[in-house]
């Protein structure tokens, strides 16, 4: 998923740069490149959104594992404390 996000953002960046280049150099097909630049901005935003979702997923998975370890450790400590009494 991370590779897809990077590819989407890179393709969007290329299209947006091409649109700006067409604007500054007064190309004949400026409207086509302007539309492609808009699509590029959408791809950049989509790529960043995919990357953020992947990052949030990684953080939540790490947090779930930390919580599981914490509760298993507390359960083991309670078992040891009741056995000693």
N, C-alpha and C. Protein backbone atom coordinates (compact mmCIF):
# COMPACT_ATOMS: atom_id res chain seq x y z
N UNK A 1 0.83 -1.18 0.00
CA UNK A 1 0.00 0.00 0.00
C UNK A 1 0.87 1.25 0.00
N UNK A 2 2.01 1.13 0.65
CA UNK A 2 2.92 2.27 0.69
C UNK A 2 3.47 2.57 -0.70
N UNK A 3 3.75 1.53 -1.48
CA UNK A 3 4.27 1.74 -2.83
C UNK A 3 3.22 2.41 -3.72
N UNK A 4 1.97 2.01 -3.56
CA UNK A 4 0.90 2.61 -4.34
C UNK A 4 0.78 4.10 -4.02
N UNK A 5 0.87 4.43 -2.74
CA UNK A 5 0.77 5.82 -2.33
C UNK A 5 1.91 6.65 -2.91
N UNK A 6 3.10 6.09 -2.90
CA UNK A 6 4.25 6.83 -3.43
C UNK A 6 4.12 7.02 -4.94
N UNK A 7 3.66 5.98 -5.64
CA UNK A 7 3.49 6.08 -7.10
C UNK A 7 2.40 7.10 -7.44
N UNK A 8 1.29 7.07 -6.72
CA UNK A 8 0.22 8.04 -6.98
C UNK A 8 0.70 9.46 -6.75
N UNK A 9 1.39 9.69 -5.65
CA UNK A 9 1.88 11.04 -5.35
C UNK A 9 2.91 11.49 -6.38
N UNK A 10 3.79 10.60 -6.81
CA UNK A 10 4.80 10.97 -7.80
C UNK A 10 4.16 11.28 -9.15
N UNK A 11 3.20 10.47 -9.57
CA UNK A 11 2.51 10.73 -10.84
C UNK A 11 1.75 12.05 -10.78
N UNK A 12 1.11 12.31 -9.66
CA UNK A 12 0.40 13.57 -9.49
C UNK A 12 1.35 14.76 -9.51
N UNK A 13 2.50 14.58 -8.90
CA UNK A 13 3.49 15.66 -8.89
C UNK A 13 3.98 15.97 -10.29
N UNK A 14 4.21 14.93 -11.07
CA UNK A 14 4.67 15.14 -12.45
C UNK A 14 3.59 15.86 -13.27
N UNK A 15 2.34 15.44 -13.12
CA UNK A 15 1.26 16.08 -13.87
C UNK A 15 1.07 17.54 -13.44
N UNK A 16 1.18 17.81 -12.15
CA UNK A 16 1.02 19.18 -11.67
C UNK A 16 2.16 20.07 -12.17
N UNK A 17 3.37 19.55 -12.17
CA UNK A 17 4.51 20.33 -12.68
C UNK A 17 4.35 20.59 -14.17
N UNK A 18 3.90 19.59 -14.91
CA UNK A 18 3.69 19.75 -16.34
C UNK A 18 2.62 20.81 -16.62
N UNK A 19 1.57 20.84 -15.81
CA UNK A 19 0.53 21.86 -15.98
C UNK A 19 1.07 23.26 -15.71
N UNK A 20 1.89 23.40 -14.70
CA UNK A 20 2.48 24.72 -14.41
C UNK A 20 3.44 25.14 -15.52
N UNK A 21 4.16 24.18 -16.06
CA UNK A 21 5.08 24.47 -17.15
C UNK A 21 4.31 24.91 -18.40
N UNK A 22 3.17 24.26 -18.66
CA UNK A 22 2.33 24.63 -19.80
C UNK A 22 1.75 26.03 -19.61
N UNK A 23 1.42 26.37 -18.39
CA UNK A 23 0.89 27.71 -18.11
C UNK A 23 1.93 28.78 -18.33
N UNK A 24 3.14 28.57 -17.82
CA UNK A 24 4.17 29.61 -17.93
C UNK A 24 4.70 29.77 -19.34
N UNK A 25 4.65 28.73 -20.16
CA UNK A 25 5.20 28.81 -21.51
C UNK A 25 4.14 28.98 -22.60
N UNK A 26 2.89 29.21 -22.21
CA UNK A 26 1.79 29.47 -23.14
C UNK A 26 1.69 28.41 -24.24
N UNK A 27 1.59 27.16 -23.82
CA UNK A 27 1.44 26.09 -24.79
C UNK A 27 0.07 26.18 -25.45
N UNK A 28 -0.04 25.68 -26.68
CA UNK A 28 -1.29 25.74 -27.43
C UNK A 28 -2.37 24.88 -26.75
N UNK A 29 -2.00 23.74 -26.24
CA UNK A 29 -2.96 22.83 -25.61
C UNK A 29 -2.97 23.04 -24.09
N UNK A 30 -2.96 24.28 -23.69
CA UNK A 30 -2.89 24.59 -22.27
C UNK A 30 -4.07 24.01 -21.49
N UNK A 31 -5.27 24.07 -22.07
CA UNK A 31 -6.46 23.59 -21.34
C UNK A 31 -6.36 22.11 -21.02
N UNK A 32 -5.81 21.34 -21.94
CA UNK A 32 -5.65 19.90 -21.69
C UNK A 32 -4.66 19.68 -20.54
N UNK A 33 -3.55 20.41 -20.58
CA UNK A 33 -2.55 20.24 -19.52
C UNK A 33 -3.04 20.81 -18.19
N UNK A 34 -3.87 21.83 -18.27
CA UNK A 34 -4.45 22.38 -17.04
C UNK A 34 -5.36 21.34 -16.38
N UNK A 35 -6.15 20.64 -17.18
CA UNK A 35 -7.00 19.57 -16.66
C UNK A 35 -6.15 18.44 -16.08
N UNK A 36 -5.09 18.11 -16.79
CA UNK A 36 -4.18 17.06 -16.29
C UNK A 36 -3.53 17.49 -14.96
N UNK A 37 -3.25 18.77 -14.83
CA UNK A 37 -2.71 19.26 -13.56
C UNK A 37 -3.70 19.11 -12.42
N UNK A 38 -4.98 19.35 -12.71
CA UNK A 38 -6.01 19.16 -11.70
C UNK A 38 -6.08 17.69 -11.28
N UNK A 39 -6.01 16.80 -12.27
CA UNK A 39 -5.97 15.36 -11.97
C UNK A 39 -4.72 15.04 -11.14
N UNK A 40 -3.62 15.72 -11.45
CA UNK A 40 -2.39 15.53 -10.69
C UNK A 40 -2.55 15.90 -9.23
N UNK A 41 -3.24 17.03 -8.98
CA UNK A 41 -3.47 17.43 -7.59
C UNK A 41 -4.33 16.40 -6.87
N UNK A 42 -5.32 15.86 -7.55
CA UNK A 42 -6.16 14.82 -6.94
C UNK A 42 -5.32 13.58 -6.63
N UNK A 43 -4.41 13.21 -7.54
CA UNK A 43 -3.55 12.05 -7.29
C UNK A 43 -2.61 12.30 -6.12
N UNK A 44 -2.10 13.52 -6.00
CA UNK A 44 -1.22 13.84 -4.87
C UNK A 44 -1.98 13.69 -3.55
N UNK A 45 -3.17 14.25 -3.51
CA UNK A 45 -3.97 14.16 -2.28
C UNK A 45 -4.34 12.71 -1.97
N UNK A 46 -4.69 11.95 -3.00
CA UNK A 46 -5.03 10.53 -2.79
C UNK A 46 -3.83 9.73 -2.31
N UNK A 47 -2.66 10.00 -2.88
CA UNK A 47 -1.46 9.31 -2.44
C UNK A 47 -1.12 9.61 -1.00
N UNK A 48 -1.24 10.87 -0.62
CA UNK A 48 -0.98 11.25 0.77
C UNK A 48 -2.01 10.63 1.71
N UNK A 49 -3.26 10.55 1.27
CA UNK A 49 -4.29 9.94 2.11
C UNK A 49 -4.02 8.45 2.30
N UNK A 50 -3.62 7.76 1.23
CA UNK A 50 -3.28 6.33 1.35
C UNK A 50 -2.11 6.13 2.30
N UNK A 51 -1.11 6.98 2.19
CA UNK A 51 0.05 6.87 3.06
C UNK A 51 -0.33 7.13 4.52
N UNK A 52 -1.19 8.12 4.76
CA UNK A 52 -1.63 8.41 6.13
C UNK A 52 -2.44 7.25 6.70
N UNK A 53 -3.30 6.66 5.88
CA UNK A 53 -4.07 5.50 6.36
C UNK A 53 -3.15 4.33 6.70
N UNK A 54 -2.14 4.10 5.87
CA UNK A 54 -1.19 3.04 6.16
C UNK A 54 -0.45 3.32 7.47
N UNK A 55 -0.07 4.58 7.68
CA UNK A 55 0.64 4.96 8.89
C UNK A 55 -0.24 4.79 10.13
N UNK A 56 -1.49 5.19 10.04
CA UNK A 56 -2.43 5.02 11.16
C UNK A 56 -2.63 3.54 11.45
N UNK A 57 -2.72 2.73 10.41
CA UNK A 57 -2.87 1.29 10.60
C UNK A 57 -1.66 0.71 11.33
N UNK A 58 -0.46 1.14 10.96
CA UNK A 58 0.75 0.66 11.63
C UNK A 58 0.74 1.06 13.11
N UNK A 59 0.37 2.31 13.40
CA UNK A 59 0.34 2.77 14.79
C UNK A 59 -0.69 1.99 15.60
N UNK A 60 -1.86 1.72 15.01
CA UNK A 60 -2.88 1.01 15.77
C UNK A 60 -2.47 -0.44 16.01
N UNK A 61 -1.78 -1.06 15.03
CA UNK A 61 -1.32 -2.43 15.23
C UNK A 61 -0.28 -2.49 16.34
N UNK A 62 0.64 -1.53 16.37
CA UNK A 62 1.65 -1.50 17.43
C UNK A 62 1.00 -1.29 18.79
N UNK A 63 -0.01 -0.42 18.84
CA UNK A 63 -0.70 -0.15 20.09
C UNK A 63 -1.47 -1.39 20.57
N UNK A 64 -2.11 -2.11 19.66
CA UNK A 64 -2.83 -3.33 20.04
C UNK A 64 -1.86 -4.36 20.62
N UNK A 65 -0.69 -4.51 20.01
CA UNK A 65 0.30 -5.46 20.53
C UNK A 65 0.81 -5.04 21.90
N UNK A 66 0.99 -3.73 22.10
CA UNK A 66 1.46 -3.25 23.40
C UNK A 66 0.41 -3.51 24.47
N UNK A 67 -0.85 -3.28 24.14
CA UNK A 67 -1.93 -3.52 25.10
C UNK A 67 -2.02 -5.01 25.44
N UNK A 68 -1.91 -5.88 24.45
CA UNK A 68 -1.95 -7.32 24.71
C UNK A 68 -0.83 -7.74 25.64
N UNK A 69 0.38 -7.25 25.40
CA UNK A 69 1.51 -7.60 26.27
C UNK A 69 1.28 -7.09 27.68
N UNK A 70 0.73 -5.88 27.83
CA UNK A 70 0.50 -5.31 29.14
C UNK A 70 -0.51 -6.14 29.93
N UNK A 71 -1.62 -6.50 29.30
CA UNK A 71 -2.65 -7.25 30.02
C UNK A 71 -2.21 -8.68 30.31
N UNK A 72 -1.44 -9.29 29.44
CA UNK A 72 -0.93 -10.63 29.73
C UNK A 72 0.05 -10.57 30.90
N UNK A 73 0.88 -9.54 30.96
CA UNK A 73 1.83 -9.40 32.06
C UNK A 73 1.10 -9.17 33.37
N UNK A 74 0.04 -8.34 33.36
CA UNK A 74 -0.72 -8.10 34.59
C UNK A 74 -1.43 -9.37 35.05
N UNK A 75 -1.95 -10.13 34.11
CA UNK A 75 -2.62 -11.38 34.45
C UNK A 75 -1.63 -12.37 35.06
N UNK A 76 -0.43 -12.46 34.51
CA UNK A 76 0.59 -13.35 35.04
C UNK A 76 1.02 -12.91 36.44
N UNK A 77 1.14 -11.59 36.67
CA UNK A 77 1.54 -11.09 37.99
C UNK A 77 0.47 -11.39 39.02
N UNK A 78 -0.79 -11.28 38.65
CA UNK A 78 -1.87 -11.59 39.59
C UNK A 78 -1.86 -13.06 39.96
N UNK A 79 -1.58 -13.91 38.96
CA UNK A 79 -1.52 -15.34 39.24
C UNK A 79 -0.39 -15.67 40.19
N UNK A 80 0.75 -15.01 40.07
CA UNK A 80 1.90 -15.24 40.95
C UNK A 80 1.59 -14.73 42.36
N UNK A 81 0.93 -13.55 42.46
CA UNK A 81 0.60 -12.99 43.76
C UNK A 81 -0.40 -13.85 44.53
N UNK A 82 -1.39 -14.40 43.86
CA UNK A 82 -2.37 -15.23 44.56
C UNK A 82 -1.76 -16.58 44.95
N UNK A 83 -0.81 -17.06 44.16
CA UNK A 83 -0.15 -18.34 44.47
C UNK A 83 0.76 -18.17 45.68
N UNK A 84 1.36 -17.00 45.88
CA UNK A 84 2.26 -16.78 46.99
C UNK A 84 1.50 -16.61 48.29
N UNK A 85 0.28 -16.16 48.25
CA UNK A 85 -0.48 -15.92 49.49
C UNK A 85 -1.03 -17.20 49.97
